[in-house]
Amino acid sequence: MTKGSIVKIRISDADKTELEQFADSAGKSVSEIVRSAINETKRGQVAGHQRRENIAKLRRSTNRMIEAFAAKPIDVPKLKEIAVQVRKDAVRVLS
């Protein structure tokens, strides 16, 4: 990627620290995080909406797995199906 223009914004020291920590934990630069938020906003998406949706899907699929383990007898084919879905949902959250 070629270097582009610089945009300066003012945020509190606490917000800057949180943004830097978030970027670090995500393995991205602050610029990448800000560009991503800008692009999502331009597409009419609320920043982080897709991630929250993916986390909600993962939570629902893990709840289904817990319910499947609680059933007596355990329906192994159903449990395998749910496990596949949990894996897919986890990949979406972690990528």
PDB file of N, CA and C in Angstrom:
ATOM      1  N   MET A   1       0.842  -1.176   0.000  1.00  0.00           N
ATOM      2  CA  MET A   1       0.000   0.000   0.000  1.00  0.00           C
ATOM      3  C   MET A   1       0.886   1.237   0.000  1.00  0.00           C
ATOM      4  N   THR A   2       0.544   2.170  -0.841  1.00  0.00           N
ATOM      5  CA  THR A   2       1.325   3.398  -0.861  1.00  0.00           C
ATOM      6  C   THR A   2       0.846   4.331   0.232  1.00  0.00           C
ATOM      7  N   LYS A   3       1.779   5.144   0.691  1.00  0.00           N
ATOM      8  CA  LYS A   3       1.410   6.088   1.742  1.00  0.00           C
ATOM      9  C   LYS A   3       0.496   7.151   1.159  1.00  0.00           C
ATOM     10  N   GLY A   4      -0.531   7.481   1.914  1.00  0.00           N
ATOM     11  CA  GLY A   4      -1.495   8.483   1.471  1.00  0.00           C
ATOM     12  C   GLY A   4      -1.390   9.724   2.316  1.00  0.00           C
ATOM     13  N   SER A   5      -2.455  10.475   2.330  1.00  0.00           N
ATOM     14  CA  SER A   5      -2.519  11.714   3.094  1.00  0.00           C
ATOM     15  C   SER A   5      -2.689  11.421   4.577  1.00  0.00           C
ATOM     16  N   ILE A   6      -2.363  12.393   5.364  1.00  0.00           N
ATOM     17  CA  ILE A   6      -2.500  12.283   6.817  1.00  0.00           C
ATOM     18  C   ILE A   6      -3.692  13.115   7.251  1.00  0.00           C
ATOM     19  N   VAL A   7      -4.506  12.529   8.128  1.00  0.00           N
ATOM     20  CA  VAL A   7      -5.629  13.237   8.722  1.00  0.00           C
ATOM     21  C   VAL A   7      -5.373  13.298  10.216  1.00  0.00           C
ATOM     22  N   LYS A   8      -5.512  14.484  10.786  1.00  0.00           N
ATOM     23  CA  LYS A   8      -5.309  14.643  12.221  1.00  0.00           C
ATOM     24  C   LYS A   8      -6.672  14.775  12.895  1.00  0.00           C
ATOM     25  N   ILE A   9      -6.825  14.067  14.007  1.00  0.00           N
ATOM     26  CA  ILE A   9      -8.047  14.188  14.801  1.00  0.00           C
ATOM     27  C   ILE A   9      -7.650  14.388  16.257  1.00  0.00           C
ATOM     28  N   ARG A  10      -8.554  14.929  17.027  1.00  0.00           N
ATOM     29  CA  ARG A  10      -8.301  15.113  18.454  1.00  0.00           C
ATOM     30  C   ARG A  10      -9.190  14.146  19.221  1.00  0.00           C
ATOM     31  N   ILE A  11      -8.552  13.373  20.094  1.00  0.00           N
ATOM     32  CA  ILE A  11      -9.278  12.498  21.002  1.00  0.00           C
ATOM     33  C   ILE A  11      -8.594  12.594  22.363  1.00  0.00           C
ATOM     34  N   SER A  12      -9.306  12.155  23.377  1.00  0.00           N
ATOM     35  CA  SER A  12      -8.726  12.229  24.716  1.00  0.00           C
ATOM     36  C   SER A  12      -7.551  11.261  24.823  1.00  0.00           C
ATOM     37  N   ASP A  13      -6.689  11.505  25.790  1.00  0.00           N
ATOM     38  CA  ASP A  13      -5.554  10.608  26.022  1.00  0.00           C
ATOM     39  C   ASP A  13      -6.051   9.202  26.339  1.00  0.00           C
ATOM     40  N   ALA A  14      -7.137   9.115  27.115  1.00  0.00           N
ATOM     41  CA  ALA A  14      -7.688   7.796  27.476  1.00  0.00           C
ATOM     42  C   ALA A  14      -8.192   7.064  26.239  1.00  0.00           C
ATOM     43  N   ASP A  15      -8.906   7.781  25.344  1.00  0.00           N
ATOM     44  CA  ASP A  15      -9.394   7.153  24.112  1.00  0.00           C
ATOM     45  C   ASP A  15      -8.231   6.712  23.223  1.00  0.00           C
ATOM     46  N   LYS A  16      -7.192   7.528  23.166  1.00  0.00           N
ATOM     47  CA  LYS A  16      -6.020   7.183  22.355  1.00  0.00           C
ATOM     48  C   LYS A  16      -5.372   5.910  22.890  1.00  0.00           C
ATOM     49  N   THR A  17      -5.239   5.830  24.208  1.00  0.00           N
ATOM     50  CA  THR A  17      -4.641   4.643  24.826  1.00  0.00           C
ATOM     51  C   THR A  17      -5.489   3.413  24.530  1.00  0.00           C
ATOM     52  N   GLU A  18      -6.811   3.539  24.684  1.00  0.00           N
ATOM     53  CA  GLU A  18      -7.711   2.410  24.397  1.00  0.00           C
ATOM     54  C   GLU A  18      -7.619   1.990  22.940  1.00  0.00           C
ATOM     55  N   LEU A  19      -7.556   2.954  22.023  1.00  0.00           N
ATOM     56  CA  LEU A  19      -7.448   2.653  20.600  1.00  0.00           C
ATOM     57  C   LEU A  19      -6.142   1.926  20.306  1.00  0.00           C
ATOM     58  N   GLU A  20      -5.049   2.386  20.882  1.00  0.00           N
ATOM     59  CA  GLU A  20      -3.755   1.728  20.679  1.00  0.00           C
ATOM     60  C   GLU A  20      -3.763   0.311  21.239  1.00  0.00           C
ATOM     61  N   GLN A  21      -4.354   0.128  22.407  1.00  0.00           N
ATOM     62  CA  GLN A  21      -4.429  -1.210  23.008  1.00  0.00           C
ATOM     63  C   GLN A  21      -5.303  -2.132  22.170  1.00  0.00           C
ATOM     64  N   PHE A  22      -6.433  -1.599  21.682  1.00  0.00           N
ATOM     65  CA  PHE A  22      -7.315  -2.402  20.839  1.00  0.00           C
ATOM     66  C   PHE A  22      -6.601  -2.819  19.562  1.00  0.00           C
ATOM     67  N   ALA A  23      -5.938  -1.872  18.919  1.00  0.00           N
ATOM     68  CA  ALA A  23      -5.216  -2.173  17.681  1.00  0.00           C
ATOM     69  C   ALA A  23      -4.146  -3.232  17.930  1.00  0.00           C
ATOM     70  N   ASP A  24      -3.427  -3.091  19.035  1.00  0.00           N
ATOM     71  CA  ASP A  24      -2.383  -4.058  19.373  1.00  0.00           C
ATOM     72  C   ASP A  24      -2.975  -5.442  19.587  1.00  0.00           C
ATOM     73  N   SER A  25      -4.086  -5.515  20.316  1.00  0.00           N
ATOM     74  CA  SER A  25      -4.696  -6.828  20.588  1.00  0.00           C
ATOM     75  C   SER A  25      -5.269  -7.454  19.320  1.00  0.00           C
ATOM     76  N   ALA A  26      -5.647  -6.603  18.350  1.00  0.00           N
ATOM     77  CA  ALA A  26      -6.174  -7.104  17.080  1.00  0.00           C
ATOM     78  C   ALA A  26      -5.058  -7.416  16.088  1.00  0.00           C
ATOM     79  N   GLY A  27      -3.819  -7.077  16.466  1.00  0.00           N
ATOM     80  CA  GLY A  27      -2.686  -7.321  15.564  1.00  0.00           C
ATOM     81  C   GLY A  27      -2.683  -6.383  14.370  1.00  0.00           C
ATOM     82  N   LYS A  28      -3.238  -5.194  14.561  1.00  0.00           N
ATOM     83  CA  LYS A  28      -3.321  -4.224  13.471  1.00  0.00           C
ATOM     84  C   LYS A  28      -2.772  -2.889  13.941  1.00  0.00           C
ATOM     85  N   SER A  29      -2.503  -2.022  12.978  1.00  0.00           N
ATOM     86  CA  SER A  29      -2.064  -0.679  13.335  1.00  0.00           C
ATOM     87  C   SER A  29      -3.284   0.175  13.653  1.00  0.00           C
ATOM     88  N   VAL A  30      -3.059   1.278  14.340  1.00  0.00           N
ATOM     89  CA  VAL A  30      -4.149   2.219  14.622  1.00  0.00           C
ATOM     90  C   VAL A  30      -4.732   2.704  13.299  1.00  0.00           C
ATOM     91  N   SER A  31      -3.886   2.966  12.322  1.00  0.00           N
ATOM     92  CA  SER A  31      -4.368   3.432  11.018  1.00  0.00           C
ATOM     93  C   SER A  31      -5.290   2.405  10.371  1.00  0.00           C
ATOM     94  N   GLU A  32      -4.932   1.125  10.455  1.00  0.00           N
ATOM     95  CA  GLU A  32      -5.787   0.089   9.877  1.00  0.00           C
ATOM     96  C   GLU A  32      -7.155   0.062  10.551  1.00  0.00           C
ATOM     97  N   ILE A  33      -7.166   0.195  11.873  1.00  0.00           N
ATOM     98  CA  ILE A  33      -8.430   0.194  12.618  1.00  0.00           C
ATOM     99  C   ILE A  33      -9.280   1.388  12.200  1.00  0.00           C
ATOM    100  N   VAL A  34      -8.682   2.569  12.121  1.00  0.00           N
ATOM    101  CA  VAL A  34      -9.429   3.775  11.764  1.00  0.00           C
ATOM    102  C   VAL A  34      -9.929   3.682  10.322  1.00  0.00           C
ATOM    103  N   ARG A  35      -9.067   3.215   9.401  1.00  0.00           N
ATOM    104  CA  ARG A  35      -9.502   3.074   8.000  1.00  0.00           C
ATOM    105  C   ARG A  35     -10.666   2.096   7.892  1.00  0.00           C
ATOM    106  N   SER A  36     -10.593   1.005   8.631  1.00  0.00           N
ATOM    107  CA  SER A  36     -11.677   0.020   8.615  1.00  0.00           C
ATOM    108  C   SER A  36     -12.985   0.642   9.104  1.00  0.00           C
ATOM    109  N   ALA A  37     -12.916   1.411  10.182  1.00  0.00           N
ATOM    110  CA  ALA A  37     -14.117   2.070  10.715  1.00  0.00           C
ATOM    111  C   ALA A  37     -14.679   3.062   9.697  1.00  0.00           C
ATOM    112  N   ILE A  38     -13.802   3.790   9.014  1.00  0.00           N
ATOM    113  CA  ILE A  38     -14.251   4.743   7.993  1.00  0.00           C
ATOM    114  C   ILE A  38     -14.944   4.006   6.859  1.00  0.00           C
ATOM    115  N   ASN A  39     -14.331   2.927   6.386  1.00  0.00           N
ATOM    116  CA  ASN A  39     -14.915   2.167   5.274  1.00  0.00           C
ATOM    117  C   ASN A  39     -16.269   1.571   5.647  1.00  0.00           C
ATOM    118  N   GLU A  40     -16.394   1.041   6.867  1.00  0.00           N
ATOM    119  CA  GLU A  40     -17.680   0.499   7.310  1.00  0.00           C
ATOM    120  C   GLU A  40     -18.727   1.604   7.355  1.00  0.00           C
ATOM    121  N   THR A  41     -18.349   2.757   7.853  1.00  0.00           N
ATOM    122  CA  THR A  41     -19.286   3.883   7.951  1.00  0.00           C
ATOM    123  C   THR A  41     -19.726   4.343   6.564  1.00  0.00           C
ATOM    124  N   LYS A  42     -18.785   4.390   5.620  1.00  0.00           N
ATOM    125  CA  LYS A  42     -19.133   4.799   4.255  1.00  0.00           C
ATOM    126  C   LYS A  42     -20.107   3.820   3.621  1.00  0.00           C
ATOM    127  N   ARG A  43     -20.023   2.548   3.981  1.00  0.00           N
ATOM    128  CA  ARG A  43     -20.949   1.533   3.456  1.00  0.00           C
ATOM    129  C   ARG A  43     -22.272   1.527   4.225  1.00  0.00           C
ATOM    130  N   GLY A  44     -22.407   2.429   5.193  1.00  0.00           N
ATOM    131  CA  GLY A  44     -23.637   2.507   5.965  1.00  0.00           C
ATOM    132  C   GLY A  44     -23.712   1.514   7.103  1.00  0.00           C
ATOM    133  N   GLN A  45     -22.581   0.930   7.455  1.00  0.00           N
ATOM    134  CA  GLN A  45     -22.552  -0.040   8.545  1.00  0.00           C
ATOM    135  C   GLN A  45     -22.091   0.645   9.822  1.00  0.00           C
ATOM    136  N   VAL A  46     -22.637   0.202  10.919  1.00  0.00           N
ATOM    137  CA  VAL A  46     -22.188   0.697  12.211  1.00  0.00           C
ATOM    138  C   VAL A  46     -20.885  -0.030  12.529  1.00  0.00           C
ATOM    139  N   ALA A  47     -19.859   0.728  12.921  1.00  0.00           N
ATOM    140  CA  ALA A  47     -18.553   0.131  13.205  1.00  0.00           C
ATOM    141  C   ALA A  47     -18.700  -1.000  14.216  1.00  0.00           C
ATOM    142  N   GLY A  48     -18.150  -2.155  13.899  1.00  0.00           N
ATOM    143  CA  GLY A  48     -18.173  -3.295  14.802  1.00  0.00           C
ATOM    144  C   GLY A  48     -19.444  -4.119  14.735  1.00  0.00           C
ATOM    145  N   HIS A  49     -20.419  -3.695  13.941  1.00  0.00           N
ATOM    146  CA  HIS A  49     -21.705  -4.411  13.886  1.00  0.00           C
ATOM    147  C   HIS A  49     -21.514  -5.867  13.448  1.00  0.00           C
ATOM    148  N   GLN A  50     -20.741  -6.073  12.392  1.00  0.00           N
ATOM    149  CA  GLN A  50     -20.559  -7.438  11.883  1.00  0.00           C
ATOM    150  C   GLN A  50     -19.879  -8.323  12.922  1.00  0.00           C
ATOM    151  N   ARG A  51     -18.912  -7.777  13.630  1.00  0.00           N
ATOM    152  CA  ARG A  51     -18.225  -8.556  14.675  1.00  0.00           C
ATOM    153  C   ARG A  51     -19.202  -8.941  15.772  1.00  0.00           C
ATOM    154  N   ARG A  52     -20.052  -7.990  16.190  1.00  0.00           N
ATOM    155  CA  ARG A  52     -21.046  -8.306  17.219  1.00  0.00           C
ATOM    156  C   ARG A  52     -22.015  -9.376  16.731  1.00  0.00           C
ATOM    157  N   GLU A  53     -22.404  -9.301  15.454  1.00  0.00           N
ATOM    158  CA  GLU A  53     -23.283 -10.324  14.879  1.00  0.00           C
ATOM    159  C   GLU A  53     -22.606 -11.692  14.900  1.00  0.00           C
ATOM    160  N   ASN A  54     -21.331 -11.734  14.524  1.00  0.00           N
ATOM    161  CA  ASN A  54     -20.602 -13.001  14.520  1.00  0.00           C
ATOM    162  C   ASN A  54     -20.459 -13.574  15.923  1.00  0.00           C
ATOM    163  N   ILE A  55     -20.226 -12.714  16.900  1.00  0.00           N
ATOM    164  CA  ILE A  55     -20.123 -13.175  18.289  1.00  0.00           C
ATOM    165  C   ILE A  55     -21.468 -13.716  18.766  1.00  0.00           C
ATOM    166  N   ALA A  56     -22.553 -13.045  18.399  1.00  0.00           N
ATOM    167  CA  ALA A  56     -23.891 -13.512  18.783  1.00  0.00           C
ATOM    168  C   ALA A  56     -24.184 -14.883  18.173  1.00  0.00           C
ATOM    169  N   LYS A  57     -23.791 -15.086  16.910  1.00  0.00           N
ATOM    170  CA  LYS A  57     -23.986 -16.390  16.256  1.00  0.00           C
ATOM    171  C   LYS A  57     -23.182 -17.465  16.976  1.00  0.00           C
ATOM    172  N   LEU A  58     -21.953 -17.139  17.352  1.00  0.00           N
ATOM    173  CA  LEU A  58     -21.127 -18.102  18.073  1.00  0.00           C
ATOM    174  C   LEU A  58     -21.763 -18.453  19.414  1.00  0.00           C
ATOM    175  N   ARG A  59     -22.263 -17.453  20.110  1.00  0.00           N
ATOM    176  CA  ARG A  59     -22.913 -17.693  21.403  1.00  0.00           C
ATOM    177  C   ARG A  59     -24.131 -18.600  21.237  1.00  0.00           C
ATOM    178  N   ARG A  60     -24.928 -18.351  20.194  1.00  0.00           N
ATOM    179  CA  ARG A  60     -26.112 -19.203  19.964  1.00  0.00           C
ATOM    180  C   ARG A  60     -25.712 -20.644  19.644  1.00  0.00           C
ATOM    181  N   SER A  61     -24.693 -20.807  18.818  1.00  0.00           N
ATOM    182  CA  SER A  61     -24.299 -22.174  18.456  1.00  0.00           C
ATOM    183  C   SER A  61     -23.674 -22.911  19.648  1.00  0.00           C
ATOM    184  N   THR A  62     -22.933 -22.209  20.497  1.00  0.00           N
ATOM    185  CA  THR A  62     -22.386 -22.882  21.682  1.00  0.00           C
ATOM    186  C   THR A  62     -23.500 -23.221  22.670  1.00  0.00           C
ATOM    187  N   ASN A  63     -24.513 -22.373  22.752  1.00  0.00           N
ATOM    188  CA  ASN A  63     -25.666 -22.704  23.599  1.00  0.00           C
ATOM    189  C   ASN A  63     -26.379 -23.950  23.085  1.00  0.00           C
ATOM    190  N   ARG A  64     -26.489 -24.081  21.766  1.00  0.00           N
ATOM    191  CA  ARG A  64     -27.082 -25.294  21.186  1.00  0.00           C
ATOM    192  C   ARG A  64     -26.241 -26.518  21.554  1.00  0.00           C
ATOM    193  N   MET A  65     -24.917 -26.355  21.579  1.00  0.00           N
ATOM    194  CA  MET A  65     -24.053 -27.479  21.930  1.00  0.00           C
ATOM    195  C   MET A  65     -24.268 -27.877  23.388  1.00  0.00           C
ATOM    196  N   ILE A  66     -24.358 -26.893  24.266  1.00  0.00           N
ATOM    197  CA  ILE A  66     -24.601 -27.186  25.687  1.00  0.00           C
ATOM    198  C   ILE A  66     -25.919 -27.931  25.856  1.00  0.00           C
ATOM    199  N   GLU A  67     -26.956 -27.494  25.129  1.00  0.00           N
ATOM    200  CA  GLU A  67     -28.257 -28.165  25.188  1.00  0.00           C
ATOM    201  C   GLU A  67     -28.148 -29.602  24.674  1.00  0.00           C
ATOM    202  N   ALA A  68     -27.373 -29.802  23.608  1.00  0.00           N
ATOM    203  CA  ALA A  68     -27.205 -31.146  23.047  1.00  0.00           C
ATOM    204  C   ALA A  68     -26.505 -32.075  24.035  1.00  0.00           C
ATOM    205  N   PHE A  69     -25.525 -31.551  24.785  1.00  0.00           N
ATOM    206  CA  PHE A  69     -24.849 -32.367  25.794  1.00  0.00           C
ATOM    207  C   PHE A  69     -25.783 -32.703  26.953  1.00  0.00           C
ATOM    208  N   ALA A  70     -26.741 -31.828  27.219  1.00  0.00           N
ATOM    209  CA  ALA A  70     -27.660 -32.054  28.336  1.00  0.00           C
ATOM    210  C   ALA A  70     -28.723 -33.088  27.998  1.00  0.00           C
ATOM    211  N   ALA A  71     -28.963 -33.304  26.708  1.00  0.00           N
ATOM    212  CA  ALA A  71     -29.992 -34.262  26.293  1.00  0.00           C
ATOM    213  C   ALA A  71     -29.563 -35.685  26.637  1.00  0.00           C
ATOM    214  N   LYS A  72     -30.520 -36.472  27.048  1.00  0.00           N
ATOM    215  CA  LYS A  72     -30.257 -37.888  27.353  1.00  0.00           C
ATOM    216  C   LYS A  72     -31.193 -38.745  26.532  1.00  0.00           C
ATOM    217  N   PRO A  73     -30.719 -39.637  25.724  1.00  0.00           N
ATOM    218  CA  PRO A  73     -29.320 -39.859  25.386  1.00  0.00           C
ATOM    219  C   PRO A  73     -28.812 -38.761  24.460  1.00  0.00           C
ATOM    220  N   ILE A  74     -27.505 -38.612  24.410  1.00  0.00           N
ATOM    221  CA  ILE A  74     -26.901 -37.605  23.537  1.00  0.00           C
ATOM    222  C   ILE A  74     -27.032 -38.065  22.090  1.00  0.00           C
ATOM    223  N   ASP A  75     -27.536 -37.170  21.272  1.00  0.00           N
ATOM    224  CA  ASP A  75     -27.696 -37.429  19.838  1.00  0.00           C
ATOM    225  C   ASP A  75     -26.369 -37.061  19.163  1.00  0.00           C
ATOM    226  N   VAL A  76     -25.517 -38.055  18.948  1.00  0.00           N
ATOM    227  CA  VAL A  76     -24.158 -37.816  18.437  1.00  0.00           C
ATOM    228  C   VAL A  76     -24.159 -37.157  17.055  1.00  0.00           C
ATOM    229  N   PRO A  77     -24.973 -37.625  16.104  1.00  0.00           N
ATOM    230  CA  PRO A  77     -24.965 -36.943  14.796  1.00  0.00           C
ATOM    231  C   PRO A  77     -25.358 -35.457  14.914  1.00  0.00           C
ATOM    232  N   LYS A  78     -26.360 -35.170  15.748  1.00  0.00           N
ATOM    233  CA  LYS A  78     -26.765 -33.786  15.951  1.00  0.00           C
ATOM    234  C   LYS A  78     -25.632 -32.988  16.599  1.00  0.00           C
ATOM    235  N   LEU A  79     -24.953 -33.593  17.572  1.00  0.00           N
ATOM    236  CA  LEU A  79     -23.844 -32.935  18.255  1.00  0.00           C
ATOM    237  C   LEU A  79     -22.719 -32.625  17.269  1.00  0.00           C
ATOM    238  N   LYS A  80     -22.425 -33.560  16.367  1.00  0.00           N
ATOM    239  CA  LYS A  80     -21.389 -33.315  15.352  1.00  0.00           C
ATOM    240  C   LYS A  80     -21.782 -32.151  14.448  1.00  0.00           C
ATOM    241  N   GLU A  81     -23.036 -32.097  14.064  1.00  0.00           N
ATOM    242  CA  GLU A  81     -23.539 -31.009  13.217  1.00  0.00           C
ATOM    243  C   GLU A  81     -23.374 -29.661  13.928  1.00  0.00           C
ATOM    244  N   ILE A  82     -23.723 -29.636  15.196  1.00  0.00           N
ATOM    245  CA  ILE A  82     -23.595 -28.408  15.976  1.00  0.00           C
ATOM    246  C   ILE A  82     -22.124 -28.025  16.119  1.00  0.00           C
ATOM    247  N   ALA A  83     -21.251 -29.012  16.339  1.00  0.00           N
ATOM    248  CA  ALA A  83     -19.820 -28.736  16.494  1.00  0.00           C
ATOM    249  C   ALA A  83     -19.238 -28.102  15.225  1.00  0.00           C
ATOM    250  N   VAL A  84     -19.689 -28.574  14.074  1.00  0.00           N
ATOM    251  CA  VAL A  84     -19.245 -27.991  12.803  1.00  0.00           C
ATOM    252  C   VAL A  84     -19.664 -26.524  12.731  1.00  0.00           C
ATOM    253  N   GLN A  85     -20.894 -26.241  13.165  1.00  0.00           N
ATOM    254  CA  GLN A  85     -21.375 -24.861  13.141  1.00  0.00           C
ATOM    255  C   GLN A  85     -20.601 -23.988  14.126  1.00  0.00           C
ATOM    256  N   VAL A  86     -20.301 -24.525  15.304  1.00  0.00           N
ATOM    257  CA  VAL A  86     -19.515 -23.777  16.289  1.00  0.00           C
ATOM    258  C   VAL A  86     -18.160 -23.418  15.685  1.00  0.00           C
ATOM    259  N   ARG A  87     -17.533 -24.369  15.015  1.00  0.00           N
ATOM    260  CA  ARG A  87     -16.232 -24.118  14.389  1.00  0.00           C
ATOM    261  C   ARG A  87     -16.337 -23.000  13.357  1.00  0.00           C
ATOM    262  N   LYS A  88     -17.348 -23.041  12.499  1.00  0.00           N
ATOM    263  CA  LYS A  88     -17.537 -22.004  11.468  1.00  0.00           C
ATOM    264  C   LYS A  88     -17.729 -20.643  12.132  1.00  0.00           C
ATOM    265  N   ASP A  89     -18.572 -20.603  13.160  1.00  0.00           N
ATOM    266  CA  ASP A  89     -18.845 -19.342  13.835  1.00  0.00           C
ATOM    267  C   ASP A  89     -17.582 -18.806  14.521  1.00  0.00           C
ATOM    268  N   ALA A  90     -16.797 -19.701  15.110  1.00  0.00           N
ATOM    269  CA  ALA A  90     -15.563 -19.283  15.781  1.00  0.00           C
ATOM    270  C   ALA A  90     -14.553 -18.723  14.782  1.00  0.00           C
ATOM    271  N   VAL A  91     -14.460 -19.329  13.627  1.00  0.00           N
ATOM    272  CA  VAL A  91     -13.541 -18.836  12.595  1.00  0.00           C
ATOM    273  C   VAL A  91     -13.921 -17.420  12.185  1.00  0.00           C
ATOM    274  N   ARG A  92     -15.226 -17.162  12.049  1.00  0.00           N
ATOM    275  CA  ARG A  92     -15.679 -15.806  11.683  1.00  0.00           C
ATOM    276  C   ARG A  92     -15.293 -14.791  12.762  1.00  0.00           C
ATOM    277  N   VAL A  93     -15.417 -15.185  14.020  1.00  0.00           N
ATOM    278  CA  VAL A  93     -15.089 -14.270  15.124  1.00  0.00           C
ATOM    279  C   VAL A  93     -13.596 -14.024  15.193  1.00  0.00           C
ATOM    280  N   LEU A  94     -12.813 -15.064  14.967  1.00  0.00           N
ATOM    281  CA  LEU A  94     -11.372 -14.964  15.162  1.00  0.00           C
ATOM    282  C   LEU A  94     -10.620 -14.419  13.954  1.00  0.00           C
ATOM    283  N   SER A  95     -11.292 -14.299  12.813  1.00  0.00           N
ATOM    284  CA  SER A  95     -10.575 -13.791  11.632  1.00  0.00           C
ATOM    285  C   SER A  95     -10.866 -12.344  11.376  1.00  0.00           C
TER     286      SER A  95
END
